[in-house]
Amino acid sequence: MNNIKILVVEPNKQPYIKEIKNTISEIYGIVYFPFEILEIEKDVILISSLGAKDIKDKSFPTNRIFKDSIIHGNFVILGKNNNDYISLTNEQIKKYFDIFSLDRNFKI
């Protein structure tokens, strides 16, 4: 099984790179199921917990704001090629680290 390099974004923390096995179960350990998948650019997706949208559920703290949407709980950013998850490039990691950095004041 191949490993892929992803960016993990947790509430009140700086984004960080994580290498995971290229399986959906590896993402379950970071983002709670069911998932919501948002394509943020061609071949790059953001996966967050669909259940985190329920603001009554305090187990999912506010994390970041992206394109006027509030994202709660942990989320990951990874590459996608057709139906396969792939590693982010070094340029993509830098770009999304900068975008989701705490220094950006949660606003894109």
PDB file of N, CA and C in Angstrom:
ATOM      1  N   MET A   1       0.846  -1.181   0.000  1.00  0.00           N
ATOM      2  CA  MET A   1       0.000   0.000   0.000  1.00  0.00           C
ATOM      3  C   MET A   1       0.891   1.244   0.000  1.00  0.00           C
ATOM      4  N   ASN A   2       0.614   2.163  -0.881  1.00  0.00           N
ATOM      5  CA  ASN A   2       1.385   3.397  -0.972  1.00  0.00           C
ATOM      6  C   ASN A   2       1.003   4.362   0.135  1.00  0.00           C
ATOM      7  N   ASN A   3       1.957   5.176   0.538  1.00  0.00           N
ATOM      8  CA  ASN A   3       1.684   6.268   1.469  1.00  0.00           C
ATOM      9  C   ASN A   3       1.515   7.547   0.678  1.00  0.00           C
ATOM     10  N   ILE A   4       0.728   8.472   1.245  1.00  0.00           N
ATOM     11  CA  ILE A   4       0.554   9.779   0.621  1.00  0.00           C
ATOM     12  C   ILE A   4       0.815  10.853   1.663  1.00  0.00           C
ATOM     13  N   LYS A   5       1.232  12.017   1.174  1.00  0.00           N
ATOM     14  CA  LYS A   5       1.523  13.158   2.029  1.00  0.00           C
ATOM     15  C   LYS A   5       0.337  14.118   1.956  1.00  0.00           C
ATOM     16  N   ILE A   6      -0.239  14.418   3.148  1.00  0.00           N
ATOM     17  CA  ILE A   6      -1.407  15.291   3.223  1.00  0.00           C
ATOM     18  C   ILE A   6      -1.127  16.435   4.189  1.00  0.00           C
ATOM     19  N   LEU A   7      -2.018  17.424   4.206  1.00  0.00           N
ATOM     20  CA  LEU A   7      -1.943  18.507   5.165  1.00  0.00           C
ATOM     21  C   LEU A   7      -3.120  18.362   6.115  1.00  0.00           C
ATOM     22  N   VAL A   8      -2.850  18.350   7.419  1.00  0.00           N
ATOM     23  CA  VAL A   8      -3.880  18.225   8.442  1.00  0.00           C
ATOM     24  C   VAL A   8      -4.062  19.587   9.092  1.00  0.00           C
ATOM     25  N   VAL A   9      -5.328  19.995   9.273  1.00  0.00           N
ATOM     26  CA  VAL A   9      -5.625  21.270   9.914  1.00  0.00           C
ATOM     27  C   VAL A   9      -6.563  20.996  11.085  1.00  0.00           C
ATOM     28  N   GLU A  10      -6.062  21.255  12.299  1.00  0.00           N
ATOM     29  CA  GLU A  10      -6.825  21.071  13.519  1.00  0.00           C
ATOM     30  C   GLU A  10      -7.144  22.439  14.120  1.00  0.00           C
ATOM     31  N   PRO A  11      -8.246  22.551  14.877  1.00  0.00           N
ATOM     32  CA  PRO A  11      -8.580  23.833  15.493  1.00  0.00           C
ATOM     33  C   PRO A  11      -7.453  24.350  16.399  1.00  0.00           C
ATOM     34  N   ASN A  12      -7.185  25.639  16.300  1.00  0.00           N
ATOM     35  CA  ASN A  12      -6.221  26.336  17.151  1.00  0.00           C
ATOM     36  C   ASN A  12      -4.796  25.801  17.045  1.00  0.00           C
ATOM     37  N   LYS A  13      -4.473  25.166  15.931  1.00  0.00           N
ATOM     38  CA  LYS A  13      -3.111  24.673  15.693  1.00  0.00           C
ATOM     39  C   LYS A  13      -2.695  25.061  14.282  1.00  0.00           C
ATOM     40  N   GLN A  14      -1.384  25.145  14.083  1.00  0.00           N
ATOM     41  CA  GLN A  14      -0.879  25.365  12.743  1.00  0.00           C
ATOM     42  C   GLN A  14      -1.086  24.087  11.924  1.00  0.00           C
ATOM     43  N   PRO A  15      -1.325  24.205  10.623  1.00  0.00           N
ATOM     44  CA  PRO A  15      -1.409  23.011   9.773  1.00  0.00           C
ATOM     45  C   PRO A  15      -0.096  22.238   9.846  1.00  0.00           C
ATOM     46  N   TYR A  16      -0.173  20.933   9.610  1.00  0.00           N
ATOM     47  CA  TYR A  16       1.040  20.127   9.592  1.00  0.00           C
ATOM     48  C   TYR A  16       0.920  19.026   8.550  1.00  0.00           C
ATOM     49  N   ILE A  17       2.084  18.585   8.094  1.00  0.00           N
ATOM     50  CA  ILE A  17       2.168  17.524   7.091  1.00  0.00           C
ATOM     51  C   ILE A  17       2.099  16.188   7.810  1.00  0.00           C
ATOM     52  N   LYS A  18       1.353  15.270   7.223  1.00  0.00           N
ATOM     53  CA  LYS A  18       1.285  13.918   7.772  1.00  0.00           C
ATOM     54  C   LYS A  18       1.344  12.938   6.612  1.00  0.00           C
ATOM     55  N   GLU A  19       2.095  11.883   6.793  1.00  0.00           N
ATOM     56  CA  GLU A  19       2.147  10.822   5.797  1.00  0.00           C
ATOM     57  C   GLU A  19       1.249   9.689   6.291  1.00  0.00           C
ATOM     58  N   ILE A  20       0.287   9.300   5.450  1.00  0.00           N
ATOM     59  CA  ILE A  20      -0.665   8.261   5.828  1.00  0.00           C
ATOM     60  C   ILE A  20      -0.691   7.186   4.751  1.00  0.00           C
ATOM     61  N   LYS A  21      -1.219   6.015   5.124  1.00  0.00           N
ATOM     62  CA  LYS A  21      -1.480   4.995   4.116  1.00  0.00           C
ATOM     63  C   LYS A  21      -2.607   5.496   3.234  1.00  0.00           C
ATOM     64  N   ASN A  22      -2.559   5.144   1.984  1.00  0.00           N
ATOM     65  CA  ASN A  22      -3.538   5.624   1.012  1.00  0.00           C
ATOM     66  C   ASN A  22      -4.826   4.795   1.097  1.00  0.00           C
ATOM     67  N   THR A  23      -5.506   4.912   2.251  1.00  0.00           N
ATOM     68  CA  THR A  23      -6.784   4.225   2.452  1.00  0.00           C
ATOM     69  C   THR A  23      -7.769   5.182   3.105  1.00  0.00           C
ATOM     70  N   ILE A  24      -9.028   4.951   2.873  1.00  0.00           N
ATOM     71  CA  ILE A  24     -10.058   5.783   3.472  1.00  0.00           C
ATOM     72  C   ILE A  24     -10.066   5.631   4.988  1.00  0.00           C
ATOM     73  N   SER A  25      -9.710   4.458   5.487  1.00  0.00           N
ATOM     74  CA  SER A  25      -9.700   4.247   6.934  1.00  0.00           C
ATOM     75  C   SER A  25      -8.643   5.109   7.625  1.00  0.00           C
ATOM     76  N   GLU A  26      -7.576   5.450   6.951  1.00  0.00           N
ATOM     77  CA  GLU A  26      -6.569   6.341   7.531  1.00  0.00           C
ATOM     78  C   GLU A  26      -7.147   7.740   7.732  1.00  0.00           C
ATOM     79  N   ILE A  27      -7.995   8.166   6.825  1.00  0.00           N
ATOM     80  CA  ILE A  27      -8.621   9.485   6.960  1.00  0.00           C
ATOM     81  C   ILE A  27      -9.627   9.467   8.106  1.00  0.00           C
ATOM     82  N   TYR A  28     -10.310   8.324   8.324  1.00  0.00           N
ATOM     83  CA  TYR A  28     -11.252   8.203   9.446  1.00  0.00           C
ATOM     84  C   TYR A  28     -10.593   8.544  10.775  1.00  0.00           C
ATOM     85  N   GLY A  29      -9.313   8.262  10.900  1.00  0.00           N
ATOM     86  CA  GLY A  29      -8.620   8.548  12.145  1.00  0.00           C
ATOM     87  C   GLY A  29      -8.364  10.031  12.374  1.00  0.00           C
ATOM     88  N   ILE A  30      -8.545  10.834  11.347  1.00  0.00           N
ATOM     89  CA  ILE A  30      -8.286  12.271  11.438  1.00  0.00           C
ATOM     90  C   ILE A  30      -9.586  13.067  11.351  1.00  0.00           C
ATOM     91  N   VAL A  31     -10.443  12.700  10.416  1.00  0.00           N
ATOM     92  CA  VAL A  31     -11.718  13.383  10.175  1.00  0.00           C
ATOM     93  C   VAL A  31     -12.839  12.379  10.419  1.00  0.00           C
ATOM     94  N   TYR A  32     -13.835  12.786  11.176  1.00  0.00           N
ATOM     95  CA  TYR A  32     -14.927  11.869  11.498  1.00  0.00           C
ATOM     96  C   TYR A  32     -15.870  11.657  10.319  1.00  0.00           C
ATOM     97  N   PHE A  33     -16.332  10.437  10.157  1.00  0.00           N
ATOM     98  CA  PHE A  33     -17.278  10.051   9.119  1.00  0.00           C
ATOM     99  C   PHE A  33     -18.677  10.454   9.566  1.00  0.00           C
ATOM    100  N   PRO A  34     -19.572  10.869   8.714  1.00  0.00           N
ATOM    101  CA  PRO A  34     -19.447  10.943   7.252  1.00  0.00           C
ATOM    102  C   PRO A  34     -18.662  12.175   6.812  1.00  0.00           C
ATOM    103  N   PHE A  35     -18.018  12.037   5.676  1.00  0.00           N
ATOM    104  CA  PHE A  35     -17.197  13.102   5.120  1.00  0.00           C
ATOM    105  C   PHE A  35     -18.002  14.044   4.239  1.00  0.00           C
ATOM    106  N   GLU A  36     -17.457  15.235   4.124  1.00  0.00           N
ATOM    107  CA  GLU A  36     -17.873  16.164   3.084  1.00  0.00           C
ATOM    108  C   GLU A  36     -16.608  16.477   2.293  1.00  0.00           C
ATOM    109  N   ILE A  37     -16.679  16.366   0.986  1.00  0.00           N
ATOM    110  CA  ILE A  37     -15.518  16.615   0.138  1.00  0.00           C
ATOM    111  C   ILE A  37     -15.770  17.875  -0.679  1.00  0.00           C
ATOM    112  N   LEU A  38     -14.813  18.795  -0.598  1.00  0.00           N
ATOM    113  CA  LEU A  38     -14.900  20.052  -1.323  1.00  0.00           C
ATOM    114  C   LEU A  38     -13.677  20.171  -2.211  1.00  0.00           C
ATOM    115  N   GLU A  39     -13.895  20.316  -3.516  1.00  0.00           N
ATOM    116  CA  GLU A  39     -12.766  20.531  -4.422  1.00  0.00           C
ATOM    117  C   GLU A  39     -12.360  21.989  -4.308  1.00  0.00           C
ATOM    118  N   ILE A  40     -11.116  22.235  -3.866  1.00  0.00           N
ATOM    119  CA  ILE A  40     -10.685  23.613  -3.677  1.00  0.00           C
ATOM    120  C   ILE A  40      -9.866  24.140  -4.854  1.00  0.00           C
ATOM    121  N   GLU A  41      -9.388  23.243  -5.659  1.00  0.00           N
ATOM    122  CA  GLU A  41      -8.809  23.569  -6.964  1.00  0.00           C
ATOM    123  C   GLU A  41      -8.693  22.258  -7.720  1.00  0.00           C
ATOM    124  N   LYS A  42      -8.348  22.346  -8.985  1.00  0.00           N
ATOM    125  CA  LYS A  42      -8.255  21.119  -9.770  1.00  0.00           C
ATOM    126  C   LYS A  42      -7.269  20.160  -9.115  1.00  0.00           C
ATOM    127  N   ASP A  43      -7.735  18.956  -8.848  1.00  0.00           N
ATOM    128  CA  ASP A  43      -6.925  17.879  -8.274  1.00  0.00           C
ATOM    129  C   ASP A  43      -6.515  18.090  -6.817  1.00  0.00           C
ATOM    130  N   VAL A  44      -7.153  19.027  -6.113  1.00  0.00           N
ATOM    131  CA  VAL A  44      -6.904  19.226  -4.680  1.00  0.00           C
ATOM    132  C   VAL A  44      -8.252  19.297  -3.975  1.00  0.00           C
ATOM    133  N   ILE A  45      -8.410  18.476  -2.917  1.00  0.00           N
ATOM    134  CA  ILE A  45      -9.674  18.435  -2.192  1.00  0.00           C
ATOM    135  C   ILE A  45      -9.465  18.687  -0.701  1.00  0.00           C
ATOM    136  N   LEU A  46     -10.518  19.175  -0.077  1.00  0.00           N
ATOM    137  CA  LEU A  46     -10.574  19.360   1.360  1.00  0.00           C
ATOM    138  C   LEU A  46     -11.630  18.389   1.872  1.00  0.00           C
ATOM    139  N   ILE A  47     -11.278  17.570   2.857  1.00  0.00           N
ATOM    140  CA  ILE A  47     -12.225  16.620   3.431  1.00  0.00           C
ATOM    141  C   ILE A  47     -12.463  17.018   4.881  1.00  0.00           C
ATOM    142  N   SER A  48     -13.729  17.272   5.205  1.00  0.00           N
ATOM    143  CA  SER A  48     -14.112  17.613   6.569  1.00  0.00           C
ATOM    144  C   SER A  48     -15.283  16.732   6.978  1.00  0.00           C
ATOM    145  N   SER A  49     -15.613  16.772   8.249  1.00  0.00           N
ATOM    146  CA  SER A  49     -16.711  15.963   8.761  1.00  0.00           C
ATOM    147  C   SER A  49     -18.040  16.643   8.467  1.00  0.00           C
ATOM    148  N   LEU A  50     -18.925  15.930   7.831  1.00  0.00           N
ATOM    149  CA  LEU A  50     -20.254  16.461   7.545  1.00  0.00           C
ATOM    150  C   LEU A  50     -21.009  16.734   8.840  1.00  0.00           C
ATOM    151  N   GLY A  51     -20.831  15.887   9.843  1.00  0.00           N
ATOM    152  CA  GLY A  51     -21.493  16.073  11.129  1.00  0.00           C
ATOM    153  C   GLY A  51     -21.042  17.323  11.854  1.00  0.00           C
ATOM    154  N   ALA A  52     -19.872  17.838  11.511  1.00  0.00           N
ATOM    155  CA  ALA A  52     -19.345  19.027  12.175  1.00  0.00           C
ATOM    156  C   ALA A  52     -20.130  20.280  11.816  1.00  0.00           C
ATOM    157  N   LYS A  53     -20.965  20.211  10.800  1.00  0.00           N
ATOM    158  CA  LYS A  53     -21.765  21.377  10.423  1.00  0.00           C
ATOM    159  C   LYS A  53     -22.882  21.658  11.414  1.00  0.00           C
ATOM    160  N   ASP A  54     -23.207  20.674  12.243  1.00  0.00           N
ATOM    161  CA  ASP A  54     -24.239  20.864  13.256  1.00  0.00           C
ATOM    162  C   ASP A  54     -23.636  21.651  14.412  1.00  0.00           C
ATOM    163  N   ILE A  55     -23.887  22.963  14.432  1.00  0.00           N
ATOM    164  CA  ILE A  55     -23.241  23.825  15.420  1.00  0.00           C
ATOM    165  C   ILE A  55     -23.705  23.546  16.846  1.00  0.00           C
ATOM    166  N   LYS A  56     -24.744  22.753  17.019  1.00  0.00           N
ATOM    167  CA  LYS A  56     -25.177  22.378  18.363  1.00  0.00           C
ATOM    168  C   LYS A  56     -24.242  21.341  18.970  1.00  0.00           C
ATOM    169  N   ASP A  57     -23.488  20.652  18.132  1.00  0.00           N
ATOM    170  CA  ASP A  57     -22.566  19.622  18.598  1.00  0.00           C
ATOM    171  C   ASP A  57     -21.238  20.281  18.969  1.00  0.00           C
ATOM    172  N   LYS A  58     -20.998  20.456  20.247  1.00  0.00           N
ATOM    173  CA  LYS A  58     -19.807  21.162  20.735  1.00  0.00           C
ATOM    174  C   LYS A  58     -18.530  20.338  20.620  1.00  0.00           C
ATOM    175  N   SER A  59     -18.643  19.075  20.198  1.00  0.00           N
ATOM    176  CA  SER A  59     -17.432  18.268  20.050  1.00  0.00           C
ATOM    177  C   SER A  59     -16.647  18.656  18.797  1.00  0.00           C
ATOM    178  N   PHE A  60     -17.217  19.512  17.963  1.00  0.00           N
ATOM    179  CA  PHE A  60     -16.543  19.984  16.756  1.00  0.00           C
ATOM    180  C   PHE A  60     -16.325  21.492  16.873  1.00  0.00           C
ATOM    181  N   PRO A  61     -15.203  21.934  17.443  1.00  0.00           N
ATOM    182  CA  PRO A  61     -14.974  23.376  17.579  1.00  0.00           C
ATOM    183  C   PRO A  61     -14.749  24.035  16.223  1.00  0.00           C
ATOM    184  N   THR A  62     -15.006  25.327  16.178  1.00  0.00           N
ATOM    185  CA  THR A  62     -14.749  26.089  14.967  1.00  0.00           C
ATOM    186  C   THR A  62     -13.263  25.996  14.642  1.00  0.00           C
ATOM    187  N   ASN A  63     -12.966  25.740  13.376  1.00  0.00           N
ATOM    188  CA  ASN A  63     -11.581  25.570  12.965  1.00  0.00           C
ATOM    189  C   ASN A  63     -11.119  26.737  12.104  1.00  0.00           C
ATOM    190  N   ARG A  64     -11.623  26.845  10.905  1.00  0.00           N
ATOM    191  CA  ARG A  64     -11.203  27.894   9.987  1.00  0.00           C
ATOM    192  C   ARG A  64     -12.415  28.372   9.182  1.00  0.00           C
ATOM    193  N   ILE A  65     -12.222  29.508   8.514  1.00  0.00           N
ATOM    194  CA  ILE A  65     -13.199  30.016   7.550  1.00  0.00           C
ATOM    195  C   ILE A  65     -12.561  29.920   6.182  1.00  0.00           C
ATOM    196  N   PHE A  66     -13.290  29.330   5.251  1.00  0.00           N
ATOM    197  CA  PHE A  66     -12.785  29.181   3.889  1.00  0.00           C
ATOM    198  C   PHE A  66     -13.904  29.529   2.921  1.00  0.00           C
ATOM    199  N   LYS A  67     -13.663  30.553   2.103  1.00  0.00           N
ATOM    200  CA  LYS A  67     -14.651  30.999   1.118  1.00  0.00           C
ATOM    201  C   LYS A  67     -16.017  31.195   1.767  1.00  0.00           C
ATOM    202  N   ASP A  68     -16.035  31.923   2.859  1.00  0.00           N
ATOM    203  CA  ASP A  68     -17.255  32.273   3.601  1.00  0.00           C
ATOM    204  C   ASP A  68     -17.978  31.080   4.208  1.00  0.00           C
ATOM    205  N   SER A  69     -17.334  29.928   4.293  1.00  0.00           N
ATOM    206  CA  SER A  69     -17.902  28.772   4.979  1.00  0.00           C
ATOM    207  C   SER A  69     -17.084  28.502   6.238  1.00  0.00           C
ATOM    208  N   ILE A  70     -17.784  28.247   7.331  1.00  0.00           N
ATOM    209  CA  ILE A  70     -17.108  27.906   8.572  1.00  0.00           C
ATOM    210  C   ILE A  70     -16.886  26.405   8.585  1.00  0.00           C
ATOM    211  N   ILE A  71     -15.648  26.007   8.840  1.00  0.00           N
ATOM    212  CA  ILE A  71     -15.311  24.587   8.921  1.00  0.00           C
ATOM    213  C   ILE A  71     -15.085  24.270  10.398  1.00  0.00           C
ATOM    214  N   HIS A  72     -15.784  23.257  10.885  1.00  0.00           N
ATOM    215  CA  HIS A  72     -15.662  22.824  12.269  1.00  0.00           C
ATOM    216  C   HIS A  72     -14.877  21.524  12.322  1.00  0.00           C
ATOM    217  N   GLY A  73     -14.141  21.328  13.400  1.00  0.00           N
ATOM    218  CA  GLY A  73     -13.407  20.079  13.589  1.00  0.00           C
ATOM    219  C   GLY A  73     -12.206  19.981  12.663  1.00  0.00           C
ATOM    220  N   ASN A  74     -11.537  18.849  12.751  1.00  0.00           N
ATOM    221  CA  ASN A  74     -10.354  18.603  11.920  1.00  0.00           C
ATOM    222  C   ASN A  74     -10.747  18.478  10.449  1.00  0.00           C
ATOM    223  N   PHE A  75      -9.812  18.871   9.581  1.00  0.00           N
ATOM    224  CA  PHE A  75      -9.975  18.587   8.159  1.00  0.00           C
ATOM    225  C   PHE A  75      -8.616  18.331   7.546  1.00  0.00           C
ATOM    226  N   VAL A  76      -8.633  17.709   6.377  1.00  0.00           N
ATOM    227  CA  VAL A  76      -7.405  17.398   5.661  1.00  0.00           C
ATOM    228  C   VAL A  76      -7.478  17.934   4.246  1.00  0.00           C
ATOM    229  N   ILE A  77      -6.319  18.183   3.699  1.00  0.00           N
ATOM    230  CA  ILE A  77      -6.202  18.599   2.305  1.00  0.00           C
ATOM    231  C   ILE A  77      -5.275  17.601   1.629  1.00  0.00           C
ATOM    232  N   LEU A  78      -5.725  17.086   0.493  1.00  0.00           N
ATOM    233  CA  LEU A  78      -4.933  16.097  -0.229  1.00  0.00           C
ATOM    234  C   LEU A  78      -5.204  16.207  -1.713  1.00  0.00           C
ATOM    235  N   GLY A  79      -4.352  15.565  -2.473  1.00  0.00           N
ATOM    236  CA  GLY A  79      -4.522  15.544  -3.914  1.00  0.00           C
ATOM    237  C   GLY A  79      -5.485  14.451  -4.330  1.00  0.00           C
ATOM    238  N   LYS A  80      -6.047  14.635  -5.503  1.00  0.00           N
ATOM    239  CA  LYS A  80      -6.939  13.618  -6.062  1.00  0.00           C
ATOM    240  C   LYS A  80      -6.710  13.553  -7.559  1.00  0.00           C
ATOM    241  N   ASN A  81      -6.585  12.321  -8.058  1.00  0.00           N
ATOM    242  CA  ASN A  81      -6.412  12.096  -9.487  1.00  0.00           C
ATOM    243  C   ASN A  81      -7.440  11.049  -9.884  1.00  0.00           C
ATOM    244  N   ASN A  82      -8.453  11.463 -10.627  1.00  0.00           N
ATOM    245  CA  ASN A  82      -9.606  10.627 -10.935  1.00  0.00           C
ATOM    246  C   ASN A  82     -10.243  10.189  -9.615  1.00  0.00           C
ATOM    247  N   ASN A  83     -10.287   8.914  -9.308  1.00  0.00           N
ATOM    248  CA  ASN A  83     -10.877   8.457  -8.051  1.00  0.00           C
ATOM    249  C   ASN A  83      -9.827   8.060  -7.021  1.00  0.00           C
ATOM    250  N   ASP A  84      -8.575   8.422  -7.263  1.00  0.00           N
ATOM    251  CA  ASP A  84      -7.494   8.044  -6.358  1.00  0.00           C
ATOM    252  C   ASP A  84      -7.010   9.247  -5.569  1.00  0.00           C
ATOM    253  N   TYR A  85      -6.734   9.025  -4.272  1.00  0.00           N
ATOM    254  CA  TYR A  85      -6.086  10.044  -3.459  1.00  0.00           C
ATOM    255  C   TYR A  85      -4.600  10.009  -3.773  1.00  0.00           C
ATOM    256  N   ILE A  86      -3.979  11.189  -3.832  1.00  0.00           N
ATOM    257  CA  ILE A  86      -2.554  11.290  -4.115  1.00  0.00           C
ATOM    258  C   ILE A  86      -1.927  12.313  -3.178  1.00  0.00           C
ATOM    259  N   SER A  87      -0.604  12.273  -3.088  1.00  0.00           N
ATOM    260  CA  SER A  87       0.133  13.229  -2.270  1.00  0.00           C
ATOM    261  C   SER A  87      -0.003  14.635  -2.828  1.00  0.00           C
ATOM    262  N   LEU A  88       0.043  15.593  -1.911  1.00  0.00           N
ATOM    263  CA  LEU A  88       0.176  16.983  -2.319  1.00  0.00           C
ATOM    264  C   LEU A  88       1.616  17.213  -2.765  1.00  0.00           C
ATOM    265  N   THR A  89       1.806  18.110  -3.702  1.00  0.00           N
ATOM    266  CA  THR A  89       3.159  18.507  -4.085  1.00  0.00           C
ATOM    267  C   THR A  89       3.709  19.440  -3.008  1.00  0.00           C
ATOM    268  N   ASN A  90       5.009  19.653  -3.008  1.00  0.00           N
ATOM    269  CA  ASN A  90       5.609  20.590  -2.054  1.00  0.00           C
ATOM    270  C   ASN A  90       5.044  21.998  -2.232  1.00  0.00           C
ATOM    271  N   GLU A  91       4.780  22.390  -3.468  1.00  0.00           N
ATOM    272  CA  GLU A  91       4.204  23.711  -3.732  1.00  0.00           C
ATOM    273  C   GLU A  91       2.782  23.809  -3.166  1.00  0.00           C
ATOM    274  N   GLN A  92       1.987  22.753  -3.334  1.00  0.00           N
ATOM    275  CA  GLN A  92       0.631  22.756  -2.783  1.00  0.00           C
ATOM    276  C   GLN A  92       0.658  22.783  -1.255  1.00  0.00           C
ATOM    277  N   ILE A  93       1.577  22.042  -0.660  1.00  0.00           N
ATOM    278  CA  ILE A  93       1.693  22.053   0.803  1.00  0.00           C
ATOM    279  C   ILE A  93       1.994  23.462   1.288  1.00  0.00           C
ATOM    280  N   LYS A  94       2.947  24.128   0.663  1.00  0.00           N
ATOM    281  CA  LYS A  94       3.290  25.494   1.072  1.00  0.00           C
ATOM    282  C   LYS A  94       2.099  26.428   0.884  1.00  0.00           C
ATOM    283  N   LYS A  95       1.435  26.328  -0.250  1.00  0.00           N
ATOM    284  CA  LYS A  95       0.296  27.199  -0.547  1.00  0.00           C
ATOM    285  C   LYS A  95      -0.799  27.045   0.508  1.00  0.00           C
ATOM    286  N   TYR A  96      -1.187  25.810   0.810  1.00  0.00           N
ATOM    287  CA  TYR A  96      -2.292  25.591   1.738  1.00  0.00           C
ATOM    288  C   TYR A  96      -1.872  25.748   3.196  1.00  0.00           C
ATOM    289  N   PHE A  97      -0.596  25.540   3.491  1.00  0.00           N
ATOM    290  CA  PHE A  97      -0.111  25.871   4.823  1.00  0.00           C
ATOM    291  C   PHE A  97      -0.281  27.370   5.044  1.00  0.00           C
ATOM    292  N   ASP A  98       0.123  28.169   4.061  1.00  0.00           N
ATOM    293  CA  ASP A  98      -0.006  29.623   4.171  1.00  0.00           C
ATOM    294  C   ASP A  98      -1.467  30.057   4.265  1.00  0.00           C
ATOM    295  N   ILE A  99      -2.323  29.480   3.455  1.00  0.00           N
ATOM    296  CA  ILE A  99      -3.742  29.849   3.462  1.00  0.00           C
ATOM    297  C   ILE A  99      -4.400  29.534   4.800  1.00  0.00           C
ATOM    298  N   PHE A 100      -4.100  28.367   5.370  1.00  0.00           N
ATOM    299  CA  PHE A 100      -4.774  27.944   6.589  1.00  0.00           C
ATOM    300  C   PHE A 100      -3.953  28.203   7.855  1.00  0.00           C
ATOM    301  N   SER A 101      -2.867  28.954   7.729  1.00  0.00           N
ATOM    302  CA  SER A 101      -2.057  29.310   8.881  1.00  0.00           C
ATOM    303  C   SER A 101      -2.879  30.113   9.878  1.00  0.00           C
ATOM    304  N   LEU A 102      -2.606  29.932  11.152  1.00  0.00           N
ATOM    305  CA  LEU A 102      -3.298  30.715  12.183  1.00  0.00           C
ATOM    306  C   LEU A 102      -3.043  32.202  12.017  1.00  0.00           C
ATOM    307  N   ASP A 103      -1.914  32.545  11.412  1.00  0.00           N
ATOM    308  CA  ASP A 103      -1.562  33.945  11.196  1.00  0.00           C
ATOM    309  C   ASP A 103      -2.492  34.646  10.214  1.00  0.00           C
ATOM    310  N   ARG A 104      -3.258  33.869   9.469  1.00  0.00           N
ATOM    311  CA  ARG A 104      -4.181  34.448   8.480  1.00  0.00           C
ATOM    312  C   ARG A 104      -5.494  34.868   9.121  1.00  0.00           C
ATOM    313  N   ASN A 105      -5.588  34.732  10.440  1.00  0.00           N
ATOM    314  CA  ASN A 105      -6.752  35.166  11.189  1.00  0.00           C
ATOM    315  C   ASN A 105      -8.027  34.458  10.761  1.00  0.00           C
ATOM    316  N   PHE A 106      -7.892  33.189  10.363  1.00  0.00           N
ATOM    317  CA  PHE A 106      -9.012  32.337  10.000  1.00  0.00           C
ATOM    318  C   PHE A 106      -9.758  32.809   8.760  1.00  0.00           C
ATOM    319  N   LYS A 107      -9.293  33.852   8.111  1.00  0.00           N
ATOM    320  CA  LYS A 107     -10.047  34.392   6.976  1.00  0.00           C
ATOM    321  C   LYS A 107      -9.227  34.218   5.713  1.00  0.00           C
ATOM    322  N   ILE A 108      -9.881  33.687   4.667  1.00  0.00           N
ATOM    323  CA  ILE A 108      -9.209  33.489   3.387  1.00  0.00           C
ATOM    324  C   ILE A 108      -9.479  34.687   2.503  1.00  0.00           C
TER     325      ILE A 108
END
